[in-house]
Amino acid sequence: MNQERRIEILEAEVSELKGKVNELTNFLIKEEKKENREWNRNIVSDYMIKLVYPGIYCNIDKPKAGFPKNRRTVAEQLSIGQFMFIYVTAPEKKIIGLTKVVSNLKVTEGRWPYSVDLDWIIHPKLGVSFKDLDLDIRPRPGDTVFGLTDEKAKEIVTALKGQEDLDGSTLIYLKQKYEDTE
C-alpha cells in the first residue's frame, strides 16, 4: 500500500471519528439539558402536571386522573398525597387548578383503565398557559403527566392563586360546552 492510500484511509477514519465525537457531544448536551430543566415527560414526582381532556368540566366536583393502558407503569407509581396540576388540553390549553391524589390506584375497564381520585386544593380558575409560565413543554401523543421541580410548582401555585375561582355560571357553561368530549 502506498503512502497516499494510507493517508486517504487515515483521513477517512479521522473524519468518521470526528462524526462520532460530535454525536456523543450532542447526546451529552441533550442529557444535561434534561437534568437541568424544570419538568420531565411521563415522570411521577411530588408535583406533576396531568393532561386531561376538557370533559373534566363535566365531573368538576369529583375529579379523577385517568391513565391509558400504555401508561400502567406511570399510574402504578402514584401514591396518596402527591399533587397534580390539572392541564386542560385543546382548545383550553391551560393549567386550571391543583389537586391532591386521595385514593390508591383503581383498575377498571374502558378507555382509561387506571385511575386515582383527586381533591381540589386550588379550585378551577381561568388558568395559565405553559407559555405564561415559561415552560417549554410541547405535549406529544402518549404524554399523560409531567413531573415538576418544587420551585416550578411553587411558581404555578402563585400564578393560580392570583386568579379568582371560576363561578357557578362559568362552570355550567364549560360543562355544557364539553359534555360531548367525555
N, C-alpha and C. Protein backbone atom coordinates (compact mmCIF):
# COMPACT_ATOMS: atom_id res chain seq x y z
N MET A 1 0.86 -1.17 0.00
CA MET A 1 0.00 0.00 0.00
C MET A 1 0.90 1.23 0.00
N ASN A 2 0.61 2.15 -0.91
CA ASN A 2 1.45 3.33 -0.98
C ASN A 2 1.04 4.37 0.07
N GLN A 3 1.89 5.35 0.24
CA GLN A 3 1.70 6.35 1.29
C GLN A 3 0.44 7.18 1.06
N GLU A 4 0.13 7.54 -0.16
CA GLU A 4 -1.07 8.33 -0.46
C GLU A 4 -2.34 7.58 -0.07
N ARG A 5 -2.39 6.29 -0.34
CA ARG A 5 -3.56 5.47 0.02
C ARG A 5 -3.70 5.38 1.53
N ARG A 6 -2.60 5.21 2.25
CA ARG A 6 -2.64 5.15 3.71
C ARG A 6 -3.14 6.47 4.29
N ILE A 7 -2.73 7.56 3.71
CA ILE A 7 -3.19 8.89 4.17
C ILE A 7 -4.70 9.02 3.94
N GLU A 8 -5.20 8.58 2.79
CA GLU A 8 -6.63 8.62 2.50
C GLU A 8 -7.41 7.82 3.53
N ILE A 9 -6.93 6.62 3.83
CA ILE A 9 -7.61 5.76 4.80
C ILE A 9 -7.61 6.41 6.18
N LEU A 10 -6.48 6.95 6.59
CA LEU A 10 -6.39 7.61 7.90
C LEU A 10 -7.29 8.84 7.96
N GLU A 11 -7.33 9.61 6.90
CA GLU A 11 -8.20 10.79 6.87
C GLU A 11 -9.67 10.38 6.96
N ALA A 12 -10.05 9.30 6.29
CA ALA A 12 -11.44 8.81 6.37
C ALA A 12 -11.76 8.35 7.79
N GLU A 13 -10.83 7.64 8.42
CA GLU A 13 -11.04 7.19 9.80
C GLU A 13 -11.16 8.38 10.75
N VAL A 14 -10.30 9.37 10.58
CA VAL A 14 -10.35 10.56 11.43
C VAL A 14 -11.69 11.29 11.23
N SER A 15 -12.13 11.39 10.02
CA SER A 15 -13.41 12.04 9.73
C SER A 15 -14.55 11.28 10.40
N GLU A 16 -14.53 9.95 10.31
CA GLU A 16 -15.56 9.13 10.94
C GLU A 16 -15.54 9.31 12.46
N LEU A 17 -14.36 9.33 13.04
CA LEU A 17 -14.24 9.52 14.49
C LEU A 17 -14.74 10.90 14.92
N LYS A 18 -14.45 11.92 14.13
CA LYS A 18 -14.96 13.27 14.44
C LYS A 18 -16.49 13.27 14.45
N GLY A 19 -17.10 12.58 13.50
CA GLY A 19 -18.56 12.48 13.45
C GLY A 19 -19.11 11.82 14.70
N LYS A 20 -18.46 10.72 15.14
CA LYS A 20 -18.91 10.03 16.34
C LYS A 20 -18.73 10.89 17.59
N VAL A 21 -17.64 11.63 17.67
CA VAL A 21 -17.42 12.54 18.81
C VAL A 21 -18.51 13.61 18.83
N ASN A 22 -18.86 14.15 17.66
CA ASN A 22 -19.93 15.15 17.60
C ASN A 22 -21.27 14.57 18.06
N GLU A 23 -21.57 13.34 17.64
CA GLU A 23 -22.81 12.68 18.07
C GLU A 23 -22.84 12.53 19.59
N LEU A 24 -21.74 12.05 20.16
CA LEU A 24 -21.68 11.87 21.61
C LEU A 24 -21.79 13.21 22.35
N THR A 25 -21.14 14.22 21.83
CA THR A 25 -21.21 15.55 22.45
C THR A 25 -22.64 16.07 22.43
N ASN A 26 -23.31 15.95 21.29
CA ASN A 26 -24.70 16.39 21.20
C ASN A 26 -25.60 15.61 22.15
N PHE A 27 -25.38 14.30 22.26
CA PHE A 27 -26.16 13.49 23.19
C PHE A 27 -25.94 13.96 24.63
N LEU A 28 -24.72 14.19 25.02
CA LEU A 28 -24.42 14.65 26.38
C LEU A 28 -25.03 16.01 26.67
N ILE A 29 -25.01 16.89 25.70
CA ILE A 29 -25.62 18.22 25.87
C ILE A 29 -27.13 18.08 26.09
N LYS A 30 -27.79 17.22 25.30
CA LYS A 30 -29.23 16.99 25.47
C LYS A 30 -29.53 16.41 26.84
N GLU A 31 -28.73 15.45 27.30
CA GLU A 31 -28.95 14.83 28.61
C GLU A 31 -28.76 15.85 29.73
N GLU A 32 -27.76 16.71 29.59
CA GLU A 32 -27.52 17.74 30.61
C GLU A 32 -28.69 18.71 30.67
N LYS A 33 -29.24 19.08 29.51
CA LYS A 33 -30.40 19.97 29.48
C LYS A 33 -31.59 19.32 30.17
N LYS A 34 -31.79 18.01 29.94
CA LYS A 34 -32.89 17.30 30.59
C LYS A 34 -32.74 17.33 32.10
N GLU A 35 -31.51 17.11 32.58
CA GLU A 35 -31.27 17.09 34.03
C GLU A 35 -31.52 18.45 34.66
N ASN A 36 -31.31 19.50 33.92
CA ASN A 36 -31.42 20.85 34.49
C ASN A 36 -32.75 21.53 34.23
N ARG A 37 -33.65 20.88 33.49
CA ARG A 37 -34.91 21.55 33.21
C ARG A 37 -35.89 21.35 34.37
N GLU A 38 -36.97 22.09 34.31
CA GLU A 38 -37.93 22.14 35.41
C GLU A 38 -39.02 21.07 35.32
N TRP A 39 -38.99 20.25 34.29
CA TRP A 39 -40.01 19.23 34.10
C TRP A 39 -39.42 18.02 33.39
N ASN A 40 -40.12 16.88 33.53
CA ASN A 40 -39.75 15.66 32.84
C ASN A 40 -41.00 14.96 32.35
N ARG A 41 -40.94 14.47 31.14
CA ARG A 41 -42.06 13.84 30.45
C ARG A 41 -42.38 12.46 31.04
N ASN A 42 -43.68 12.23 31.36
CA ASN A 42 -44.18 10.95 31.85
C ASN A 42 -43.39 10.41 33.04
N ILE A 43 -43.07 11.34 33.95
CA ILE A 43 -42.36 11.01 35.18
C ILE A 43 -43.23 11.43 36.36
N VAL A 44 -43.33 10.55 37.34
CA VAL A 44 -44.10 10.83 38.55
C VAL A 44 -43.18 11.50 39.57
N SER A 45 -43.69 12.57 40.20
CA SER A 45 -42.93 13.27 41.25
C SER A 45 -43.93 13.82 42.27
N ASP A 46 -43.44 14.54 43.26
CA ASP A 46 -44.35 15.10 44.27
C ASP A 46 -45.36 16.04 43.64
N TYR A 47 -44.91 16.82 42.64
CA TYR A 47 -45.77 17.74 41.90
C TYR A 47 -45.72 17.36 40.43
N MET A 48 -46.90 17.25 39.82
CA MET A 48 -46.98 16.86 38.41
C MET A 48 -48.02 17.73 37.70
N ILE A 49 -47.89 17.78 36.40
CA ILE A 49 -48.94 18.36 35.56
C ILE A 49 -49.62 17.18 34.88
N LYS A 50 -50.92 17.03 35.10
CA LYS A 50 -51.69 15.94 34.48
C LYS A 50 -52.46 16.50 33.30
N LEU A 51 -52.26 15.92 32.13
CA LEU A 51 -53.00 16.32 30.94
C LEU A 51 -54.37 15.66 30.97
N VAL A 52 -55.41 16.46 30.82
CA VAL A 52 -56.78 15.94 30.79
C VAL A 52 -57.55 16.60 29.65
N TYR A 53 -58.58 15.92 29.19
CA TYR A 53 -59.45 16.49 28.18
C TYR A 53 -60.41 17.48 28.82
N PRO A 54 -60.98 18.40 28.03
CA PRO A 54 -61.93 19.37 28.59
C PRO A 54 -63.15 18.74 29.23
N GLY A 55 -63.40 17.47 28.98
CA GLY A 55 -64.50 16.77 29.62
C GLY A 55 -64.43 16.78 31.14
N ILE A 56 -63.28 17.15 31.69
CA ILE A 56 -63.16 17.22 33.16
C ILE A 56 -64.17 18.20 33.74
N TYR A 57 -64.57 19.19 32.95
CA TYR A 57 -65.55 20.16 33.44
C TYR A 57 -66.90 19.50 33.72
N CYS A 58 -67.14 18.34 33.15
CA CYS A 58 -68.40 17.62 33.38
C CYS A 58 -68.39 16.88 34.72
N ASN A 59 -67.22 16.67 35.28
CA ASN A 59 -67.09 15.98 36.57
C ASN A 59 -66.23 16.81 37.52
N ILE A 60 -66.42 18.10 37.49
CA ILE A 60 -65.56 19.01 38.24
C ILE A 60 -65.64 18.76 39.75
N ASP A 61 -66.79 18.26 40.24
CA ASP A 61 -66.96 18.02 41.68
C ASP A 61 -66.28 16.74 42.14
N LYS A 62 -66.05 15.82 41.21
CA LYS A 62 -65.41 14.53 41.54
C LYS A 62 -64.27 14.26 40.56
N PRO A 63 -63.20 15.05 40.65
CA PRO A 63 -62.13 14.88 39.66
C PRO A 63 -61.39 13.56 39.83
N LYS A 64 -60.98 13.03 38.70
CA LYS A 64 -60.17 11.80 38.65
C LYS A 64 -59.05 12.02 37.65
N ALA A 65 -57.99 11.29 37.85
CA ALA A 65 -56.91 11.27 36.86
C ALA A 65 -56.89 9.88 36.26
N GLY A 66 -57.16 9.80 34.96
CA GLY A 66 -57.17 8.52 34.28
C GLY A 66 -55.92 8.34 33.43
N PHE A 67 -55.53 7.07 33.28
CA PHE A 67 -54.34 6.74 32.51
C PHE A 67 -54.66 5.61 31.53
N PRO A 68 -54.15 5.70 30.30
CA PRO A 68 -54.39 4.64 29.32
C PRO A 68 -53.56 3.40 29.62
N LYS A 69 -53.87 2.32 28.91
CA LYS A 69 -53.18 1.04 29.13
C LYS A 69 -51.67 1.15 29.01
N ASN A 70 -51.21 1.95 28.05
CA ASN A 70 -49.77 2.04 27.82
C ASN A 70 -49.04 2.89 28.86
N ARG A 71 -49.75 3.40 29.85
CA ARG A 71 -49.13 4.19 30.93
C ARG A 71 -49.35 3.53 32.30
N ARG A 72 -49.50 2.22 32.28
CA ARG A 72 -49.70 1.49 33.54
C ARG A 72 -48.55 1.72 34.52
N THR A 73 -47.32 1.66 34.03
CA THR A 73 -46.15 1.84 34.90
C THR A 73 -46.19 3.19 35.58
N VAL A 74 -46.54 4.22 34.83
CA VAL A 74 -46.64 5.56 35.41
C VAL A 74 -47.74 5.58 36.47
N ALA A 75 -48.91 5.05 36.13
CA ALA A 75 -50.04 5.06 37.06
C ALA A 75 -49.71 4.30 38.35
N GLU A 76 -48.98 3.20 38.24
CA GLU A 76 -48.64 2.41 39.42
C GLU A 76 -47.69 3.13 40.37
N GLN A 77 -47.02 4.15 39.90
CA GLN A 77 -46.09 4.91 40.73
C GLN A 77 -46.78 5.99 41.56
N LEU A 78 -48.06 6.25 41.28
CA LEU A 78 -48.80 7.28 42.01
C LEU A 78 -49.09 6.83 43.43
N SER A 79 -49.11 7.80 44.34
CA SER A 79 -49.46 7.47 45.72
C SER A 79 -50.26 8.61 46.34
N ILE A 80 -51.01 8.27 47.35
CA ILE A 80 -51.83 9.26 48.07
C ILE A 80 -50.91 10.37 48.58
N GLY A 81 -51.37 11.60 48.41
CA GLY A 81 -50.63 12.75 48.89
C GLY A 81 -49.83 13.49 47.83
N GLN A 82 -49.67 12.89 46.65
CA GLN A 82 -48.97 13.60 45.58
C GLN A 82 -49.90 14.65 44.99
N PHE A 83 -49.33 15.67 44.37
CA PHE A 83 -50.10 16.79 43.83
C PHE A 83 -50.06 16.77 42.31
N MET A 84 -51.23 17.08 41.73
CA MET A 84 -51.34 17.16 40.27
C MET A 84 -51.98 18.48 39.88
N PHE A 85 -51.25 19.25 39.10
CA PHE A 85 -51.86 20.40 38.45
C PHE A 85 -52.67 19.85 37.29
N ILE A 86 -53.84 20.38 37.08
CA ILE A 86 -54.71 19.91 36.01
C ILE A 86 -54.55 20.82 34.80
N TYR A 87 -54.04 20.24 33.71
CA TYR A 87 -53.86 20.96 32.45
C TYR A 87 -54.93 20.46 31.49
N VAL A 88 -55.82 21.35 31.10
CA VAL A 88 -56.89 21.00 30.16
C VAL A 88 -56.35 21.21 28.74
N THR A 89 -56.42 20.14 27.94
CA THR A 89 -55.88 20.18 26.59
C THR A 89 -56.75 21.05 25.68
N ALA A 90 -56.43 21.04 24.39
CA ALA A 90 -57.11 21.86 23.39
C ALA A 90 -58.62 21.73 23.50
N PRO A 91 -59.34 22.80 23.37
CA PRO A 91 -58.89 24.12 22.96
C PRO A 91 -58.46 25.03 24.12
N GLU A 92 -58.61 24.58 25.37
CA GLU A 92 -58.28 25.44 26.51
C GLU A 92 -56.77 25.67 26.63
N LYS A 93 -56.00 24.59 26.70
CA LYS A 93 -54.55 24.62 26.80
C LYS A 93 -54.06 25.46 27.98
N LYS A 94 -54.57 25.12 29.17
CA LYS A 94 -54.18 25.86 30.37
C LYS A 94 -54.21 24.96 31.59
N ILE A 95 -53.34 25.29 32.55
CA ILE A 95 -53.40 24.68 33.87
C ILE A 95 -54.49 25.42 34.62
N ILE A 96 -55.51 24.69 35.09
CA ILE A 96 -56.67 25.36 35.69
C ILE A 96 -56.74 25.24 37.20
N GLY A 97 -55.95 24.35 37.80
CA GLY A 97 -56.01 24.20 39.24
C GLY A 97 -55.03 23.16 39.73
N LEU A 98 -55.07 22.94 41.05
CA LEU A 98 -54.19 21.97 41.69
C LEU A 98 -55.03 20.97 42.47
N THR A 99 -54.71 19.69 42.31
CA THR A 99 -55.40 18.62 43.04
C THR A 99 -54.40 17.79 43.82
N LYS A 100 -54.96 16.98 44.71
CA LYS A 100 -54.15 16.06 45.50
C LYS A 100 -54.70 14.66 45.29
N VAL A 101 -53.82 13.68 45.14
CA VAL A 101 -54.23 12.29 44.98
C VAL A 101 -54.76 11.80 46.33
N VAL A 102 -56.02 11.29 46.34
CA VAL A 102 -56.65 10.87 47.59
C VAL A 102 -57.08 9.40 47.60
N SER A 103 -56.70 8.65 46.57
CA SER A 103 -57.04 7.22 46.57
C SER A 103 -55.88 6.44 45.97
N ASN A 104 -55.88 5.17 46.28
CA ASN A 104 -54.93 4.28 45.63
C ASN A 104 -55.40 4.04 44.20
N LEU A 105 -54.54 3.46 43.41
CA LEU A 105 -54.84 3.17 42.01
C LEU A 105 -56.04 2.23 41.90
N LYS A 106 -56.96 2.59 41.01
CA LYS A 106 -58.12 1.75 40.72
C LYS A 106 -57.97 1.22 39.30
N VAL A 107 -58.24 -0.06 39.14
CA VAL A 107 -58.15 -0.68 37.82
C VAL A 107 -59.57 -1.03 37.37
N THR A 108 -59.92 -0.55 36.17
CA THR A 108 -61.26 -0.78 35.63
C THR A 108 -61.13 -1.14 34.15
N GLU A 109 -62.24 -1.23 33.49
CA GLU A 109 -62.26 -1.47 32.05
C GLU A 109 -62.45 -0.12 31.35
N GLY A 110 -62.22 -0.08 30.06
CA GLY A 110 -62.51 1.11 29.29
C GLY A 110 -61.29 1.85 28.81
N ARG A 111 -61.54 3.06 28.36
CA ARG A 111 -60.50 3.89 27.74
C ARG A 111 -59.38 4.25 28.71
N TRP A 112 -59.73 4.48 29.97
CA TRP A 112 -58.77 4.87 31.00
C TRP A 112 -58.80 3.82 32.11
N PRO A 113 -58.16 2.68 31.91
CA PRO A 113 -58.30 1.58 32.86
C PRO A 113 -57.62 1.79 34.22
N TYR A 114 -56.79 2.80 34.33
CA TYR A 114 -56.12 3.09 35.60
C TYR A 114 -56.49 4.50 36.02
N SER A 115 -56.94 4.64 37.26
CA SER A 115 -57.31 5.99 37.71
C SER A 115 -57.10 6.14 39.21
N VAL A 116 -57.01 7.40 39.62
CA VAL A 116 -56.96 7.77 41.04
C VAL A 116 -57.96 8.90 41.24
N ASP A 117 -58.53 8.95 42.43
CA ASP A 117 -59.43 10.05 42.78
C ASP A 117 -58.59 11.24 43.24
N LEU A 118 -59.13 12.42 42.98
CA LEU A 118 -58.44 13.66 43.32
C LEU A 118 -59.36 14.56 44.14
N ASP A 119 -58.77 15.43 44.94
CA ASP A 119 -59.48 16.52 45.61
C ASP A 119 -58.82 17.83 45.20
N TRP A 120 -59.65 18.84 45.00
CA TRP A 120 -59.13 20.15 44.62
C TRP A 120 -58.43 20.80 45.81
N ILE A 121 -57.24 21.29 45.60
CA ILE A 121 -56.51 22.11 46.57
C ILE A 121 -56.66 23.57 46.15
N ILE A 122 -56.47 23.83 44.88
CA ILE A 122 -56.76 25.14 44.28
C ILE A 122 -57.86 24.88 43.25
N HIS A 123 -59.04 25.38 43.53
CA HIS A 123 -60.21 25.12 42.68
C HIS A 123 -60.02 25.72 41.29
N PRO A 124 -60.80 25.24 40.31
CA PRO A 124 -60.62 25.67 38.92
C PRO A 124 -60.66 27.19 38.73
N LYS A 125 -59.72 27.63 37.92
CA LYS A 125 -59.55 29.04 37.55
C LYS A 125 -59.62 29.15 36.02
N LEU A 126 -59.50 30.38 35.52
CA LEU A 126 -59.36 30.54 34.07
C LEU A 126 -58.10 29.84 33.59
N GLY A 127 -57.06 29.89 34.39
CA GLY A 127 -55.86 29.11 34.11
C GLY A 127 -54.70 29.89 33.54
N VAL A 128 -53.56 29.20 33.51
CA VAL A 128 -52.33 29.76 32.98
C VAL A 128 -51.75 28.79 31.95
N SER A 129 -51.21 29.35 30.89
CA SER A 129 -50.65 28.51 29.82
C SER A 129 -49.19 28.17 30.13
N PHE A 130 -48.67 27.18 29.43
CA PHE A 130 -47.26 26.85 29.57
C PHE A 130 -46.40 28.06 29.20
N LYS A 131 -46.82 28.79 28.19
CA LYS A 131 -46.06 29.97 27.76
C LYS A 131 -46.03 31.02 28.88
N ASP A 132 -47.18 31.23 29.55
CA ASP A 132 -47.23 32.19 30.66
C ASP A 132 -46.24 31.82 31.76
N LEU A 133 -45.98 30.54 31.90
CA LEU A 133 -45.11 30.03 32.98
C LEU A 133 -43.68 29.79 32.52
N ASP A 134 -43.37 30.16 31.28
CA ASP A 134 -42.05 29.91 30.70
C ASP A 134 -41.68 28.42 30.75
N LEU A 135 -42.67 27.57 30.52
CA LEU A 135 -42.43 26.13 30.41
C LEU A 135 -42.35 25.77 28.94
N ASP A 136 -41.28 25.13 28.54
CA ASP A 136 -41.10 24.77 27.13
C ASP A 136 -41.68 23.40 26.81
N ILE A 137 -42.80 23.07 27.46
CA ILE A 137 -43.46 21.77 27.25
C ILE A 137 -44.28 21.83 25.97
N ARG A 138 -44.11 20.81 25.14
CA ARG A 138 -44.94 20.63 23.94
C ARG A 138 -45.53 19.23 24.04
N PRO A 139 -46.77 19.12 24.56
CA PRO A 139 -47.34 17.78 24.71
C PRO A 139 -47.36 17.02 23.40
N ARG A 140 -46.98 15.74 23.48
CA ARG A 140 -46.97 14.86 22.32
C ARG A 140 -47.97 13.72 22.55
N PRO A 141 -48.39 13.06 21.50
CA PRO A 141 -49.25 11.89 21.70
C PRO A 141 -48.55 10.91 22.64
N GLY A 142 -49.29 10.40 23.60
CA GLY A 142 -48.72 9.47 24.57
C GLY A 142 -48.33 10.13 25.88
N ASP A 143 -48.21 11.45 25.88
CA ASP A 143 -47.90 12.15 27.12
C ASP A 143 -49.13 12.17 28.01
N THR A 144 -48.94 11.95 29.28
CA THR A 144 -50.05 11.98 30.21
C THR A 144 -49.76 12.79 31.45
N VAL A 145 -48.47 12.86 31.83
CA VAL A 145 -48.10 13.57 33.04
C VAL A 145 -46.68 14.11 32.88
N PHE A 146 -46.42 15.23 33.53
CA PHE A 146 -45.08 15.83 33.54
C PHE A 146 -44.67 16.06 34.98
N GLY A 147 -43.57 15.47 35.40
CA GLY A 147 -43.05 15.72 36.73
C GLY A 147 -42.42 17.10 36.78
N LEU A 148 -42.57 17.78 37.93
CA LEU A 148 -42.07 19.15 38.09
C LEU A 148 -41.10 19.27 39.25
N THR A 149 -40.24 20.28 39.19
CA THR A 149 -39.43 20.62 40.35
C THR A 149 -40.32 21.34 41.36
N ASP A 150 -39.93 21.31 42.61
CA ASP A 150 -40.70 22.01 43.65
C ASP A 150 -40.74 23.51 43.37
N GLU A 151 -39.65 24.06 42.86
CA GLU A 151 -39.60 25.50 42.59
C GLU A 151 -40.62 25.90 41.52
N LYS A 152 -40.71 25.10 40.46
CA LYS A 152 -41.67 25.41 39.39
C LYS A 152 -43.10 25.23 39.90
N ALA A 153 -43.31 24.24 40.74
CA ALA A 153 -44.65 24.03 41.33
C ALA A 153 -45.06 25.25 42.14
N LYS A 154 -44.16 25.80 42.93
CA LYS A 154 -44.47 26.99 43.73
C LYS A 154 -44.84 28.17 42.82
N GLU A 155 -44.12 28.30 41.73
CA GLU A 155 -44.41 29.37 40.77
C GLU A 155 -45.82 29.21 40.18
N ILE A 156 -46.21 27.98 39.86
CA ILE A 156 -47.54 27.73 39.30
C ILE A 156 -48.61 28.01 40.36
N VAL A 157 -48.37 27.59 41.59
CA VAL A 157 -49.32 27.86 42.68
C VAL A 157 -49.54 29.36 42.81
N THR A 158 -48.48 30.14 42.79
CA THR A 158 -48.58 31.60 42.89
C THR A 158 -49.41 32.16 41.75
N ALA A 159 -49.16 31.69 40.53
CA ALA A 159 -49.90 32.18 39.36
C ALA A 159 -51.38 31.85 39.49
N LEU A 160 -51.70 30.64 39.95
CA LEU A 160 -53.11 30.25 40.08
C LEU A 160 -53.80 31.01 41.21
N LYS A 161 -53.10 31.20 42.32
CA LYS A 161 -53.71 31.91 43.46
C LYS A 161 -54.00 33.37 43.13
N GLY A 162 -53.36 33.89 42.10
CA GLY A 162 -53.61 35.26 41.67
C GLY A 162 -54.88 35.42 40.87
N GLN A 163 -55.60 34.33 40.64
CA GLN A 163 -56.83 34.36 39.85
C GLN A 163 -58.02 34.00 40.73
N GLU A 164 -59.18 34.49 40.32
CA GLU A 164 -60.43 34.15 41.02
C GLU A 164 -60.86 32.74 40.63
N ASP A 165 -61.54 32.04 41.56
CA ASP A 165 -62.16 30.75 41.22
C ASP A 165 -63.21 30.98 40.15
N LEU A 166 -63.41 29.98 39.30
CA LEU A 166 -64.49 30.07 38.32
C LEU A 166 -65.83 30.05 39.06
N ASP A 167 -66.73 30.93 38.66
CA ASP A 167 -68.04 30.96 39.33
C ASP A 167 -68.95 29.88 38.77
N GLY A 168 -70.07 29.66 39.43
CA GLY A 168 -71.01 28.60 39.07
C GLY A 168 -71.49 28.68 37.64
N SER A 169 -71.82 29.89 37.18
CA SER A 169 -72.35 30.01 35.82
C SER A 169 -71.28 29.68 34.77
N THR A 170 -70.03 30.04 35.04
CA THR A 170 -68.95 29.71 34.11
C THR A 170 -68.72 28.20 34.08
N LEU A 171 -68.78 27.56 35.25
CA LEU A 171 -68.60 26.11 35.29
C LEU A 171 -69.73 25.40 34.56
N ILE A 172 -70.97 25.90 34.69
CA ILE A 172 -72.11 25.32 33.96
C ILE A 172 -71.89 25.48 32.46
N TYR A 173 -71.47 26.66 32.04
CA TYR A 173 -71.19 26.92 30.63
C TYR A 173 -70.13 25.93 30.10
N LEU A 174 -69.02 25.77 30.84
CA LEU A 174 -67.95 24.87 30.40
C LEU A 174 -68.42 23.42 30.38
N LYS A 175 -69.24 23.05 31.35
CA LYS A 175 -69.79 21.68 31.37
C LYS A 175 -70.63 21.44 30.11
N GLN A 176 -71.51 22.37 29.79
CA GLN A 176 -72.36 22.22 28.60
C GLN A 176 -71.52 22.24 27.33
N LYS A 177 -70.51 23.07 27.28
CA LYS A 177 -69.66 23.19 26.11
C LYS A 177 -68.91 21.86 25.81
N TYR A 178 -68.52 21.16 26.87
CA TYR A 178 -67.69 19.98 26.70
C TYR A 178 -68.38 18.65 27.04
N GLU A 179 -69.69 18.65 27.16
CA GLU A 179 -70.40 17.41 27.51
C GLU A 179 -70.11 16.27 26.55
N ASP A 180 -69.91 16.55 25.30
CA ASP A 180 -69.70 15.50 24.30
C ASP A 180 -68.25 15.02 24.22
N THR A 181 -67.35 15.62 25.02
CA THR A 181 -65.94 15.25 24.93
C THR A 181 -65.50 14.30 26.03
N GLU A 182 -66.43 13.86 26.87
CA GLU A 182 -66.06 12.97 27.97
C GLU A 182 -65.51 11.67 27.49
